[in-house]
N, C-alpha and C. Protein backbone atom coordinates (compact mmCIF):
# COMPACT_ATOMS: atom_id res chain seq x y z
N MET A 1 -13.97 8.06 -20.56
CA MET A 1 -13.04 8.50 -19.38
C MET A 1 -11.83 9.15 -20.26
N ARG A 2 -11.41 10.34 -19.90
CA ARG A 2 -10.49 10.96 -20.24
C ARG A 2 -9.19 10.36 -19.11
N ARG A 3 -8.28 9.67 -19.69
CA ARG A 3 -6.98 9.42 -19.00
C ARG A 3 -6.14 10.28 -18.48
N ALA A 4 -5.77 11.52 -19.62
CA ALA A 4 -5.33 12.55 -18.70
C ALA A 4 -5.81 13.58 -17.56
N GLY A 5 -6.94 13.63 -17.90
CA GLY A 5 -7.81 14.27 -16.84
C GLY A 5 -8.32 13.43 -15.59
N LEU A 6 -8.14 12.00 -15.48
CA LEU A 6 -8.61 11.29 -14.48
C LEU A 6 -7.53 10.24 -13.82
N ALA A 7 -6.51 10.67 -13.32
CA ALA A 7 -5.39 10.22 -12.91
C ALA A 7 -5.70 9.27 -11.57
N ILE A 8 -6.53 8.36 -11.77
CA ILE A 8 -7.07 7.61 -10.68
C ILE A 8 -5.86 6.84 -10.03
N CYS A 9 -6.11 6.78 -8.31
CA CYS A 9 -4.79 6.08 -7.93
C CYS A 9 -5.07 4.99 -8.05
N LEU A 10 -6.36 4.09 -8.41
CA LEU A 10 -6.34 2.59 -7.90
C LEU A 10 -7.44 2.32 -8.85
N GLY A 11 -7.40 1.38 -9.90
CA GLY A 11 -8.81 0.77 -10.63
C GLY A 11 -8.50 -0.35 -10.98
N LEU A 12 -8.64 -1.43 -10.25
CA LEU A 12 -8.50 -3.03 -10.44
C LEU A 12 -9.73 -3.53 -10.01
N LEU A 13 -9.80 -4.71 -10.76
CA LEU A 13 -10.91 -5.81 -10.77
C LEU A 13 -10.05 -6.67 -9.56
N ILE A 14 -10.68 -6.53 -8.47
CA ILE A 14 -10.46 -7.20 -7.00
C ILE A 14 -11.51 -7.97 -6.57
N GLY A 15 -11.21 -8.74 -5.33
CA GLY A 15 -12.21 -9.30 -4.71
C GLY A 15 -11.87 -10.07 -4.02
N CYS A 16 -12.60 -10.48 -3.05
CA CYS A 16 -11.99 -11.09 -1.56
C CYS A 16 -11.83 -12.44 -2.25
N ALA A 17 -11.16 -13.53 -1.65
CA ALA A 17 -10.58 -14.93 -1.75
C ALA A 17 -11.87 -15.78 -1.73
N GLY A 18 -12.78 -15.36 -1.05
CA GLY A 18 -14.28 -16.06 -0.87
C GLY A 18 -14.14 -16.78 0.37
N SER A 19 -15.46 -17.16 0.59
CA SER A 19 -15.33 -18.09 1.73
C SER A 19 -15.13 -19.32 1.54
N GLN A 20 -14.59 -20.47 2.37
CA GLN A 20 -14.28 -21.70 2.13
C GLN A 20 -15.36 -22.59 1.36
N VAL A 21 -14.77 -23.27 0.54
CA VAL A 21 -15.34 -24.02 -0.60
C VAL A 21 -15.91 -25.28 -0.09
N TYR A 22 -16.91 -25.84 0.19
CA TYR A 22 -17.53 -27.14 0.72
C TYR A 22 -17.50 -28.14 -0.50
N VAL A 23 -17.00 -29.06 -0.58
CA VAL A 23 -17.22 -30.39 -1.48
C VAL A 23 -17.24 -31.66 -0.70
N SER A 24 -18.40 -32.25 -1.22
CA SER A 24 -18.82 -33.40 -0.52
C SER A 24 -17.62 -34.67 -0.55
N GLY A 25 -17.64 -35.44 0.18
CA GLY A 25 -16.86 -36.70 -0.20
C GLY A 25 -17.34 -37.54 -1.12
N LYS A 26 -18.90 -37.23 -1.38
CA LYS A 26 -18.99 -38.36 -2.42
C LYS A 26 -19.42 -37.19 -3.64
N TYR A 27 -18.59 -36.13 -3.75
CA TYR A 27 -18.98 -35.56 -4.90
C TYR A 27 -18.80 -36.04 -6.37
N ALA A 28 -20.03 -36.34 -6.96
CA ALA A 28 -19.96 -36.79 -8.59
C ALA A 28 -21.11 -36.07 -9.23
N VAL A 29 -20.63 -35.42 -10.16
CA VAL A 29 -21.88 -34.69 -11.11
C VAL A 29 -21.97 -35.43 -12.48
N SER A 30 -23.15 -36.10 -12.61
CA SER A 30 -23.16 -36.85 -14.15
C SER A 30 -24.48 -36.48 -14.43
N GLY A 31 -25.03 -36.84 -15.84
CA GLY A 31 -26.22 -36.60 -16.33
C GLY A 31 -26.35 -35.12 -16.49
N LYS A 32 -27.74 -34.63 -16.35
CA LYS A 32 -28.20 -33.50 -16.79
C LYS A 32 -28.08 -32.47 -15.66
N VAL A 33 -27.65 -31.32 -15.91
CA VAL A 33 -27.87 -30.23 -14.57
C VAL A 33 -28.76 -29.04 -15.08
N ALA A 34 -29.36 -28.69 -13.91
CA ALA A 34 -30.46 -27.63 -14.15
C ALA A 34 -29.87 -26.60 -13.29
N VAL A 35 -29.49 -25.27 -14.27
CA VAL A 35 -29.06 -24.02 -13.69
C VAL A 35 -30.29 -23.51 -13.41
N LEU A 36 -30.88 -23.62 -12.23
CA LEU A 36 -32.31 -23.02 -11.76
C LEU A 36 -32.08 -21.66 -11.55
N PRO A 37 -33.38 -20.70 -11.77
CA PRO A 37 -33.33 -19.45 -11.28
C PRO A 37 -32.83 -18.93 -9.92
N MET A 38 -31.97 -17.79 -10.03
CA MET A 38 -31.53 -17.13 -9.03
C MET A 38 -32.44 -16.48 -8.32
N SER A 39 -31.98 -16.45 -6.97
CA SER A 39 -32.64 -16.16 -5.72
C SER A 39 -31.88 -14.74 -5.70
N ASN A 40 -32.77 -13.52 -5.76
CA ASN A 40 -32.11 -12.34 -6.16
C ASN A 40 -32.18 -11.27 -4.23
N GLU A 41 -31.16 -11.27 -3.79
CA GLU A 41 -31.49 -10.52 -2.52
C GLU A 41 -30.96 -8.90 -2.83
N SER A 42 -30.71 -8.56 -4.51
CA SER A 42 -30.62 -7.38 -4.68
C SER A 42 -31.75 -6.38 -5.28
N ASN A 43 -31.52 -5.34 -5.65
CA ASN A 43 -32.67 -4.55 -6.19
C ASN A 43 -32.66 -4.33 -8.00
N ASP A 44 -31.80 -4.91 -8.31
CA ASP A 44 -31.52 -4.91 -9.76
C ASP A 44 -32.44 -6.19 -10.33
N LEU A 45 -33.01 -5.99 -11.35
CA LEU A 45 -33.98 -6.81 -12.30
C LEU A 45 -33.22 -7.53 -12.95
N ASP A 46 -32.10 -6.89 -13.80
CA ASP A 46 -31.85 -7.75 -14.79
C ASP A 46 -30.62 -8.57 -14.28
N ALA A 47 -30.20 -8.48 -13.21
CA ALA A 47 -29.18 -9.20 -12.48
C ALA A 47 -29.50 -10.74 -12.80
N PRO A 48 -30.25 -11.10 -12.31
CA PRO A 48 -30.35 -12.58 -12.39
C PRO A 48 -30.54 -13.26 -13.57
N ILE A 49 -31.27 -12.40 -14.50
CA ILE A 49 -30.90 -13.04 -15.91
C ILE A 49 -29.84 -13.25 -16.46
N PHE A 50 -29.13 -11.83 -16.57
CA PHE A 50 -27.73 -12.06 -16.97
C PHE A 50 -26.94 -12.86 -16.51
N LEU A 51 -26.51 -13.17 -14.91
CA LEU A 51 -25.86 -14.10 -14.28
C LEU A 51 -26.16 -15.22 -14.27
N ARG A 52 -27.55 -15.81 -14.51
CA ARG A 52 -27.80 -17.20 -15.04
C ARG A 52 -27.29 -17.46 -16.05
N LYS A 53 -27.25 -16.43 -17.17
CA LYS A 53 -26.97 -16.79 -18.48
C LYS A 53 -25.12 -17.15 -18.59
N LEU A 54 -24.45 -16.14 -17.65
CA LEU A 54 -23.13 -16.70 -17.48
C LEU A 54 -22.89 -17.81 -16.76
N LEU A 55 -23.52 -18.11 -15.77
CA LEU A 55 -23.69 -19.68 -14.93
C LEU A 55 -23.81 -20.83 -16.17
N CYS A 56 -24.53 -20.57 -16.87
CA CYS A 56 -25.06 -21.79 -17.73
C CYS A 56 -23.81 -21.77 -18.84
N GLU A 57 -23.35 -20.74 -19.22
CA GLU A 57 -22.02 -20.95 -20.44
C GLU A 57 -21.02 -21.34 -19.76
N GLY A 58 -20.54 -20.86 -18.43
CA GLY A 58 -19.28 -21.21 -17.64
C GLY A 58 -19.73 -22.96 -17.57
N MET A 59 -20.64 -23.43 -17.06
CA MET A 59 -20.81 -24.91 -16.51
C MET A 59 -20.54 -25.53 -17.98
N THR A 60 -21.47 -25.21 -19.19
CA THR A 60 -21.19 -25.87 -20.36
C THR A 60 -19.86 -25.82 -20.72
N GLN A 61 -19.02 -24.76 -20.62
CA GLN A 61 -17.78 -24.79 -21.18
C GLN A 61 -16.76 -25.89 -20.32
N ARG A 62 -17.30 -25.95 -19.12
CA ARG A 62 -16.54 -26.92 -18.06
C ARG A 62 -17.17 -28.13 -18.45
N GLY A 63 -17.81 -28.45 -19.58
CA GLY A 63 -18.32 -29.94 -20.01
C GLY A 63 -19.44 -30.44 -19.05
N PHE A 64 -20.41 -29.51 -18.20
CA PHE A 64 -21.21 -30.36 -17.98
C PHE A 64 -22.80 -30.09 -18.75
N TYR A 65 -23.43 -31.01 -18.73
CA TYR A 65 -24.71 -30.97 -19.51
C TYR A 65 -25.53 -30.43 -19.05
N VAL A 66 -25.69 -28.98 -19.57
CA VAL A 66 -26.69 -28.06 -19.06
C VAL A 66 -28.13 -27.92 -19.66
N LEU A 67 -28.88 -28.51 -19.05
CA LEU A 67 -30.56 -28.01 -19.86
C LEU A 67 -30.99 -26.70 -19.87
N SER A 68 -31.74 -26.22 -20.83
CA SER A 68 -32.09 -25.35 -21.63
C SER A 68 -32.79 -24.71 -20.39
N PRO A 69 -32.36 -23.23 -19.95
CA PRO A 69 -33.23 -22.54 -18.95
C PRO A 69 -34.47 -22.09 -19.66
N THR A 70 -34.48 -22.22 -20.86
CA THR A 70 -36.26 -21.55 -21.15
C THR A 70 -37.04 -23.16 -20.57
N GLU A 71 -36.68 -23.88 -21.19
CA GLU A 71 -37.15 -25.28 -20.74
C GLU A 71 -37.62 -25.38 -19.51
N ILE A 72 -36.51 -25.19 -18.16
CA ILE A 72 -36.59 -25.43 -16.82
C ILE A 72 -37.64 -24.65 -16.25
N ASP A 73 -37.55 -23.14 -16.87
CA ASP A 73 -38.81 -22.27 -16.40
C ASP A 73 -40.05 -22.59 -16.64
N ALA A 74 -40.15 -22.98 -17.94
CA ALA A 74 -41.73 -23.46 -18.50
C ALA A 74 -42.16 -24.52 -17.64
N GLN A 75 -41.22 -25.56 -17.43
CA GLN A 75 -41.39 -26.72 -16.32
C GLN A 75 -41.91 -26.33 -15.04
N LEU A 76 -41.02 -25.32 -14.36
CA LEU A 76 -41.44 -24.61 -13.43
C LEU A 76 -42.60 -24.01 -12.82
N LYS A 77 -42.69 -23.04 -14.24
CA LYS A 77 -43.89 -22.37 -14.24
C LYS A 77 -45.34 -23.27 -14.01
N THR A 78 -45.42 -24.55 -14.84
CA THR A 78 -46.44 -25.22 -14.74
C THR A 78 -46.87 -25.59 -13.24
N GLN A 79 -45.81 -25.74 -12.35
CA GLN A 79 -45.99 -26.04 -11.07
C GLN A 79 -46.05 -24.45 -10.11
N GLY A 80 -45.89 -23.79 -10.68
CA GLY A 80 -46.30 -22.26 -10.05
C GLY A 80 -45.20 -21.63 -9.58
N PHE A 81 -44.08 -22.00 -10.12
CA PHE A 81 -42.64 -21.28 -9.57
C PHE A 81 -42.35 -20.47 -10.44
N THR A 82 -42.16 -19.07 -10.18
CA THR A 82 -41.69 -17.98 -11.59
C THR A 82 -40.38 -17.31 -10.84
N ASP A 83 -39.80 -17.67 -9.66
CA ASP A 83 -39.01 -16.81 -9.01
C ASP A 83 -38.03 -17.84 -8.37
N GLY A 84 -36.85 -17.41 -8.27
CA GLY A 84 -35.88 -18.43 -7.64
C GLY A 84 -35.93 -18.42 -6.17
N GLY A 85 -36.23 -17.59 -5.89
CA GLY A 85 -36.71 -17.29 -3.95
C GLY A 85 -37.87 -18.20 -3.69
N GLN A 86 -38.61 -18.82 -4.39
CA GLN A 86 -39.94 -19.94 -4.15
C GLN A 86 -39.06 -21.30 -4.17
N LEU A 87 -37.91 -21.69 -4.79
CA LEU A 87 -37.90 -22.56 -4.91
C LEU A 87 -37.14 -23.51 -4.03
N HIS A 88 -37.18 -23.29 -2.45
CA HIS A 88 -36.83 -23.86 -1.26
C HIS A 88 -38.35 -24.42 -0.61
N ALA A 89 -39.23 -24.13 -1.15
CA ALA A 89 -40.46 -24.91 -1.05
C ALA A 89 -40.82 -25.94 -1.63
N ALA A 90 -39.62 -26.43 -2.51
CA ALA A 90 -39.87 -27.70 -3.45
C ALA A 90 -38.69 -28.33 -3.00
N THR A 91 -38.82 -29.74 -2.96
CA THR A 91 -37.77 -30.49 -2.48
C THR A 91 -36.85 -30.77 -3.74
N PRO A 92 -35.73 -31.31 -3.46
CA PRO A 92 -34.72 -31.43 -4.79
C PRO A 92 -35.44 -32.26 -5.71
N GLN A 93 -35.74 -33.32 -5.12
CA GLN A 93 -36.49 -34.78 -5.83
C GLN A 93 -37.45 -33.85 -6.61
N LYS A 94 -38.48 -33.23 -6.21
CA LYS A 94 -39.64 -32.68 -7.01
C LYS A 94 -39.11 -31.84 -7.97
N LEU A 95 -37.94 -31.06 -8.03
CA LEU A 95 -37.44 -30.15 -9.20
C LEU A 95 -36.45 -31.08 -9.95
N GLY A 96 -35.89 -32.03 -9.55
CA GLY A 96 -35.58 -32.98 -10.19
C GLY A 96 -36.47 -33.44 -11.50
N GLU A 97 -37.66 -34.06 -10.68
CA GLU A 97 -38.62 -34.58 -11.53
C GLU A 97 -39.23 -33.82 -12.29
N TRP A 98 -39.35 -32.70 -12.08
CA TRP A 98 -40.33 -31.58 -13.15
C TRP A 98 -39.07 -31.24 -14.02
N THR A 99 -37.97 -30.84 -13.97
CA THR A 99 -37.28 -30.14 -14.80
C THR A 99 -36.38 -31.72 -15.79
N GLY A 100 -36.24 -32.84 -15.27
CA GLY A 100 -35.37 -33.80 -15.98
C GLY A 100 -34.16 -33.58 -15.53
N ALA A 101 -33.39 -33.10 -14.24
CA ALA A 101 -32.16 -32.95 -14.39
C ALA A 101 -31.82 -34.36 -13.12
N ASP A 102 -30.48 -34.31 -12.99
CA ASP A 102 -29.92 -35.27 -12.17
C ASP A 102 -29.35 -34.42 -10.87
N THR A 103 -28.84 -32.98 -11.78
CA THR A 103 -28.46 -32.34 -10.55
C THR A 103 -28.79 -31.18 -10.45
N LEU A 104 -28.86 -30.29 -9.43
CA LEU A 104 -29.61 -28.83 -9.47
C LEU A 104 -28.20 -27.75 -9.19
N LEU A 105 -28.46 -26.79 -9.65
CA LEU A 105 -27.11 -25.55 -9.26
C LEU A 105 -28.37 -24.26 -8.67
N TYR A 106 -28.28 -24.34 -7.68
CA TYR A 106 -28.93 -23.02 -7.16
C TYR A 106 -27.91 -22.03 -6.43
N SER A 107 -28.59 -20.65 -6.74
CA SER A 107 -27.65 -19.45 -6.54
C SER A 107 -28.31 -18.57 -6.24
N THR A 108 -27.50 -17.63 -5.34
CA THR A 108 -28.01 -16.20 -4.82
C THR A 108 -27.30 -15.34 -5.16
N ILE A 109 -27.96 -13.95 -5.56
CA ILE A 109 -27.08 -12.84 -5.55
C ILE A 109 -27.35 -12.26 -4.33
N GLU A 110 -26.33 -12.02 -3.68
CA GLU A 110 -26.09 -11.40 -2.54
C GLU A 110 -25.79 -10.19 -2.42
N ASN A 111 -25.17 -9.69 -3.39
CA ASN A 111 -24.52 -8.31 -3.71
C ASN A 111 -24.60 -7.80 -5.24
N PHE A 112 -24.97 -6.97 -5.40
CA PHE A 112 -25.34 -6.52 -7.35
C PHE A 112 -25.05 -4.83 -6.97
N ASP A 113 -24.20 -3.73 -6.65
CA ASP A 113 -24.18 -2.55 -6.33
C ASP A 113 -23.24 -1.83 -6.91
N TYR A 114 -23.60 -0.50 -6.67
CA TYR A 114 -22.69 0.54 -6.97
C TYR A 114 -22.82 1.62 -6.06
N ILE A 115 -21.45 2.06 -5.87
CA ILE A 115 -21.29 2.94 -4.66
C ILE A 115 -20.40 4.28 -5.55
N ASN A 116 -21.32 5.28 -5.36
CA ASN A 116 -20.09 6.36 -6.09
C ASN A 116 -20.43 7.56 -5.53
N VAL A 117 -19.48 7.73 -4.44
CA VAL A 117 -19.68 9.02 -3.33
C VAL A 117 -18.09 9.56 -3.30
N GLY A 118 -17.85 10.64 -3.68
CA GLY A 118 -16.77 11.68 -3.23
C GLY A 118 -15.65 11.43 -4.00
N PHE A 119 -14.73 10.40 -3.55
CA PHE A 119 -13.38 10.10 -4.24
C PHE A 119 -13.45 8.95 -4.45
N TYR A 120 -14.45 8.04 -4.13
CA TYR A 120 -14.40 6.44 -4.19
C TYR A 120 -15.76 6.30 -4.94
N SER A 121 -15.18 5.22 -5.61
CA SER A 121 -16.17 4.41 -6.30
C SER A 121 -16.20 3.01 -6.31
N GLN A 122 -17.12 2.12 -6.19
CA GLN A 122 -16.89 0.79 -5.82
C GLN A 122 -18.26 0.16 -6.91
N ARG A 123 -17.78 -1.17 -7.41
CA ARG A 123 -18.97 -1.73 -8.20
C ARG A 123 -18.84 -3.39 -7.87
N ARG A 124 -19.69 -4.03 -7.15
CA ARG A 124 -19.50 -5.08 -6.46
C ARG A 124 -20.51 -6.02 -6.96
N VAL A 125 -20.45 -7.27 -7.20
CA VAL A 125 -21.06 -8.34 -7.42
C VAL A 125 -20.90 -9.88 -6.74
N LYS A 126 -21.58 -10.19 -5.98
CA LYS A 126 -21.14 -11.30 -5.08
C LYS A 126 -22.30 -12.49 -4.93
N ILE A 127 -22.15 -13.76 -5.43
CA ILE A 127 -22.78 -14.71 -5.83
C ILE A 127 -22.66 -16.15 -4.70
N LEU A 128 -23.63 -16.85 -4.19
CA LEU A 128 -23.48 -18.01 -3.24
C LEU A 128 -24.21 -18.95 -4.37
N ALA A 129 -23.70 -20.00 -4.41
CA ALA A 129 -23.89 -21.23 -5.25
C ALA A 129 -23.92 -22.37 -4.57
N LYS A 130 -24.68 -23.49 -5.00
CA LYS A 130 -24.57 -24.67 -4.26
C LYS A 130 -25.00 -25.97 -5.47
N LEU A 131 -24.27 -27.01 -5.61
CA LEU A 131 -24.77 -28.37 -6.28
C LEU A 131 -25.38 -29.28 -5.31
N VAL A 132 -26.70 -29.60 -5.86
CA VAL A 132 -27.32 -30.53 -5.12
C VAL A 132 -27.67 -32.01 -6.18
N ASP A 133 -27.64 -32.79 -5.31
CA ASP A 133 -28.02 -34.07 -6.25
C ASP A 133 -29.69 -34.28 -6.00
N ALA A 134 -30.10 -34.28 -7.50
CA ALA A 134 -31.49 -34.24 -7.43
C ALA A 134 -32.05 -35.47 -6.58
N ARG A 135 -31.38 -36.35 -6.60
CA ARG A 135 -32.06 -37.93 -6.25
C ARG A 135 -32.10 -37.97 -4.81
N THR A 136 -30.93 -37.57 -4.16
CA THR A 136 -30.93 -37.73 -2.69
C THR A 136 -30.69 -36.36 -2.00
N GLY A 137 -30.73 -35.54 -2.72
CA GLY A 137 -31.20 -33.88 -2.05
C GLY A 137 -29.75 -33.60 -1.11
N GLU A 138 -28.70 -34.56 -1.42
CA GLU A 138 -27.32 -34.03 -0.79
C GLU A 138 -26.60 -33.00 -1.70
N ARG A 139 -26.19 -32.20 -0.71
CA ARG A 139 -25.33 -30.92 -1.08
C ARG A 139 -23.79 -31.48 -1.75
N LEU A 140 -23.60 -31.54 -2.57
CA LEU A 140 -22.48 -32.06 -3.59
C LEU A 140 -21.25 -30.80 -3.23
N TRP A 141 -21.35 -29.37 -3.34
CA TRP A 141 -20.32 -28.46 -3.68
C TRP A 141 -20.91 -27.31 -2.98
N GLU A 142 -20.65 -26.20 -2.40
CA GLU A 142 -20.88 -24.49 -2.35
C GLU A 142 -19.79 -23.95 -1.95
N ALA A 143 -19.93 -22.67 -2.78
CA ALA A 143 -18.77 -21.78 -2.70
C ALA A 143 -19.62 -20.15 -2.76
N GLU A 144 -18.99 -19.39 -2.52
CA GLU A 144 -19.07 -18.01 -2.32
C GLU A 144 -18.18 -17.15 -3.14
N ARG A 145 -18.55 -16.23 -3.99
CA ARG A 145 -17.40 -15.42 -4.88
C ARG A 145 -17.66 -14.32 -5.00
N ASP A 146 -16.89 -13.26 -5.13
CA ASP A 146 -17.24 -11.80 -5.74
C ASP A 146 -16.26 -11.32 -6.70
N GLY A 147 -17.02 -10.35 -7.57
CA GLY A 147 -16.15 -9.71 -8.54
C GLY A 147 -16.23 -8.16 -7.82
N THR A 148 -15.39 -7.54 -7.89
CA THR A 148 -15.43 -6.08 -7.33
C THR A 148 -14.40 -5.05 -8.48
N THR A 149 -14.85 -4.07 -8.39
CA THR A 149 -14.12 -2.64 -9.07
C THR A 149 -14.00 -1.61 -8.16
N ARG A 150 -13.16 -1.08 -7.63
CA ARG A 150 -12.85 -0.08 -6.77
C ARG A 150 -11.71 0.98 -7.42
N LEU A 151 -12.51 2.15 -7.66
CA LEU A 151 -11.50 3.34 -8.05
C LEU A 151 -11.54 4.36 -6.92
N PHE A 152 -10.25 5.06 -6.85
CA PHE A 152 -10.02 6.12 -6.06
C PHE A 152 -9.43 7.26 -6.87
N ALA A 153 -10.07 8.40 -6.64
CA ALA A 153 -9.68 9.66 -7.33
C ALA A 153 -8.89 10.44 -5.95
N THR A 154 -7.82 11.54 -6.65
CA THR A 154 -6.79 11.77 -5.66
C THR A 154 -7.02 13.32 -5.63
N ASN A 155 -8.19 13.68 -6.21
CA ASN A 155 -8.23 15.42 -6.05
C ASN A 155 -9.91 15.75 -6.59
N LYS A 156 -10.40 16.68 -6.34
CA LYS A 156 -11.81 17.20 -6.39
C LYS A 156 -12.22 16.84 -7.87
N LYS A 157 -11.48 17.48 -8.77
CA LYS A 157 -11.65 17.29 -10.14
C LYS A 157 -11.76 15.74 -10.67
N GLN A 158 -10.81 15.20 -10.22
CA GLN A 158 -10.49 13.87 -10.37
C GLN A 158 -12.36 12.94 -9.93
N ALA A 159 -12.21 13.40 -8.80
CA ALA A 159 -13.32 12.58 -8.28
C ALA A 159 -14.95 13.16 -8.93
N GLU A 160 -14.90 14.18 -9.18
CA GLU A 160 -16.14 14.79 -10.46
C GLU A 160 -15.96 13.82 -11.58
N ASP A 161 -15.00 14.09 -12.22
CA ASP A 161 -15.01 13.08 -13.57
C ASP A 161 -15.30 11.57 -13.26
N LEU A 162 -14.46 10.98 -12.31
CA LEU A 162 -15.18 9.75 -12.04
C LEU A 162 -16.34 9.41 -11.59
N PHE A 163 -17.12 10.49 -11.22
CA PHE A 163 -18.71 10.09 -10.55
C PHE A 163 -18.94 10.40 -11.95
N ALA A 164 -18.85 11.25 -12.87
CA ALA A 164 -19.89 11.21 -14.25
C ALA A 164 -19.27 10.28 -15.10
N ALA A 165 -18.03 9.82 -14.92
CA ALA A 165 -17.95 8.11 -15.73
C ALA A 165 -18.86 7.06 -15.53
N GLN A 166 -18.69 6.91 -14.05
CA GLN A 166 -19.38 5.85 -13.27
C GLN A 166 -20.94 5.93 -13.82
N LEU A 167 -21.50 7.13 -13.95
CA LEU A 167 -22.93 7.35 -14.06
C LEU A 167 -23.15 6.85 -15.87
N ALA A 168 -21.92 7.32 -16.37
CA ALA A 168 -22.47 7.25 -17.81
C ALA A 168 -22.23 5.62 -18.04
N VAL A 169 -21.32 4.82 -17.67
CA VAL A 169 -21.40 3.71 -17.97
C VAL A 169 -22.32 2.68 -17.28
N LYS A 170 -22.72 3.20 -16.18
CA LYS A 170 -24.05 2.44 -15.62
C LYS A 170 -25.30 2.31 -16.37
N ALA A 171 -25.62 3.80 -17.14
CA ALA A 171 -26.59 4.02 -17.96
C ALA A 171 -26.42 3.09 -19.33
N VAL A 172 -25.27 3.10 -19.48
CA VAL A 172 -25.03 1.94 -20.70
C VAL A 172 -25.06 0.57 -20.79
N GLU A 173 -24.58 0.21 -19.74
CA GLU A 173 -24.67 -1.20 -18.95
C GLU A 173 -26.26 -1.51 -19.08
N LYS A 174 -27.32 -0.50 -18.57
CA LYS A 174 -28.80 -0.63 -18.00
C LYS A 174 -29.34 -0.87 -19.38
N MET A 175 -28.79 0.17 -20.26
CA MET A 175 -29.43 0.11 -21.62
C MET A 175 -29.19 -1.34 -22.48
N ALA A 176 -28.09 -1.87 -22.32
CA ALA A 176 -28.16 -3.06 -22.81
C ALA A 176 -28.46 -4.41 -21.88
N HIS A 177 -29.12 -4.17 -20.69
CA HIS A 177 -29.43 -5.14 -19.92
C HIS A 177 -28.14 -6.25 -19.43
N MET A 178 -27.19 -5.56 -19.34
CA MET A 178 -25.97 -6.38 -18.72
C MET A 178 -25.32 -5.57 -17.74
N PRO A 179 -25.74 -5.41 -16.80
CA PRO A 179 -25.49 -4.54 -15.75
C PRO A 179 -24.15 -5.27 -15.22
N LEU A 180 -23.06 -4.01 -14.46
CA LEU A 180 -21.98 -4.84 -13.85
C LEU A 180 -21.42 -6.04 -14.69
N GLN A 181 -20.92 -5.49 -15.98
CA GLN A 181 -20.63 -6.92 -16.75
C GLN A 181 -19.58 -7.26 -16.38
N ALA A 182 -18.56 -6.56 -16.12
CA ALA A 182 -17.08 -7.17 -15.83
C ALA A 182 -17.13 -7.98 -14.40
N GLU A 183 -17.76 -7.46 -13.43
CA GLU A 183 -17.93 -7.81 -12.03
C GLU A 183 -18.45 -9.05 -12.12
N SER A 184 -19.71 -9.04 -12.98
CA SER A 184 -20.22 -10.42 -13.11
C SER A 184 -19.45 -11.40 -13.46
N ARG A 185 -18.77 -11.17 -14.56
CA ARG A 185 -17.99 -12.13 -15.28
C ARG A 185 -17.16 -12.53 -14.46
N LEU A 186 -16.64 -11.81 -13.74
CA LEU A 186 -15.32 -12.22 -12.77
C LEU A 186 -16.14 -13.11 -11.64
N ALA A 187 -17.09 -12.53 -11.16
CA ALA A 187 -17.51 -13.28 -9.76
C ALA A 187 -18.19 -14.91 -10.00
N VAL A 188 -18.53 -14.93 -11.48
CA VAL A 188 -18.74 -15.88 -12.13
C VAL A 188 -17.69 -17.14 -12.48
N LEU A 189 -16.59 -16.50 -12.85
CA LEU A 189 -15.73 -17.17 -13.27
C LEU A 189 -14.66 -18.06 -11.79
N ARG A 190 -14.76 -16.80 -11.05
CA ARG A 190 -14.04 -17.32 -9.79
C ARG A 190 -15.11 -18.29 -8.81
N LEU A 191 -16.18 -18.30 -9.23
CA LEU A 191 -17.16 -19.29 -8.34
C LEU A 191 -16.83 -20.49 -9.40
N LEU A 192 -16.89 -20.73 -10.43
CA LEU A 192 -16.99 -21.84 -10.94
C LEU A 192 -15.50 -22.48 -11.47
N ASN A 193 -14.60 -21.73 -10.73
CA ASN A 193 -12.99 -22.29 -10.91
C ASN A 193 -13.00 -22.74 -9.62
N SER A 194 -14.01 -22.53 -8.40
CA SER A 194 -14.00 -23.49 -7.40
C SER A 194 -14.47 -24.65 -7.28
N LEU A 195 -15.20 -25.27 -8.55
CA LEU A 195 -15.37 -26.41 -8.62
C LEU A 195 -14.39 -27.40 -8.84
N PRO A 196 -14.55 -28.75 -8.11
CA PRO A 196 -13.68 -29.72 -8.59
C PRO A 196 -13.61 -29.90 -10.00
N ARG A 197 -12.08 -30.51 -10.13
CA ARG A 197 -11.92 -30.88 -11.74
C ARG A 197 -12.81 -32.22 -12.06
N ARG A 198 -13.26 -32.01 -13.29
CA ARG A 198 -14.08 -33.15 -13.58
C ARG A 198 -13.17 -34.39 -14.22
């Protein structure tokens, strides 16, 4: 992206403050945490894998004992579950039994998209997540957060350059299987920052 030829009015990583955060009066996360496969309401097939990896890393950095996603997936597959959208067909107790987890992290990708029209470009990732006690099924915490980049051009030439630059960035991210990387990291950071201090 040429700085001189692309004087974009605004190019910020921004996002809404998010919905209210729910925290149970009995909030306590101990033992093993299973970061379950994500439900995906987007059309991007790389998004659930990339975002789940970021969630696992973020939870581990915050001191949680996070189980291996590979082992979780293998256990779920033996029970016939291969997709995050299927998990609500099983009780938290069963998921805890199958995975060996004490706490379950459910998550849903609500938005994972690009808008690139005229003088405006937007890249947005929005995630809903909740922690559930695998023994009691009680919801311990729930929050929704997003990471969004919005860019505005001020004239036709800048709009053309912006359009071309965004297409190139999208192609590179797709090849690396790390789509909407900056926005994904921001959404996960904001989400996990809403967890109560351990």
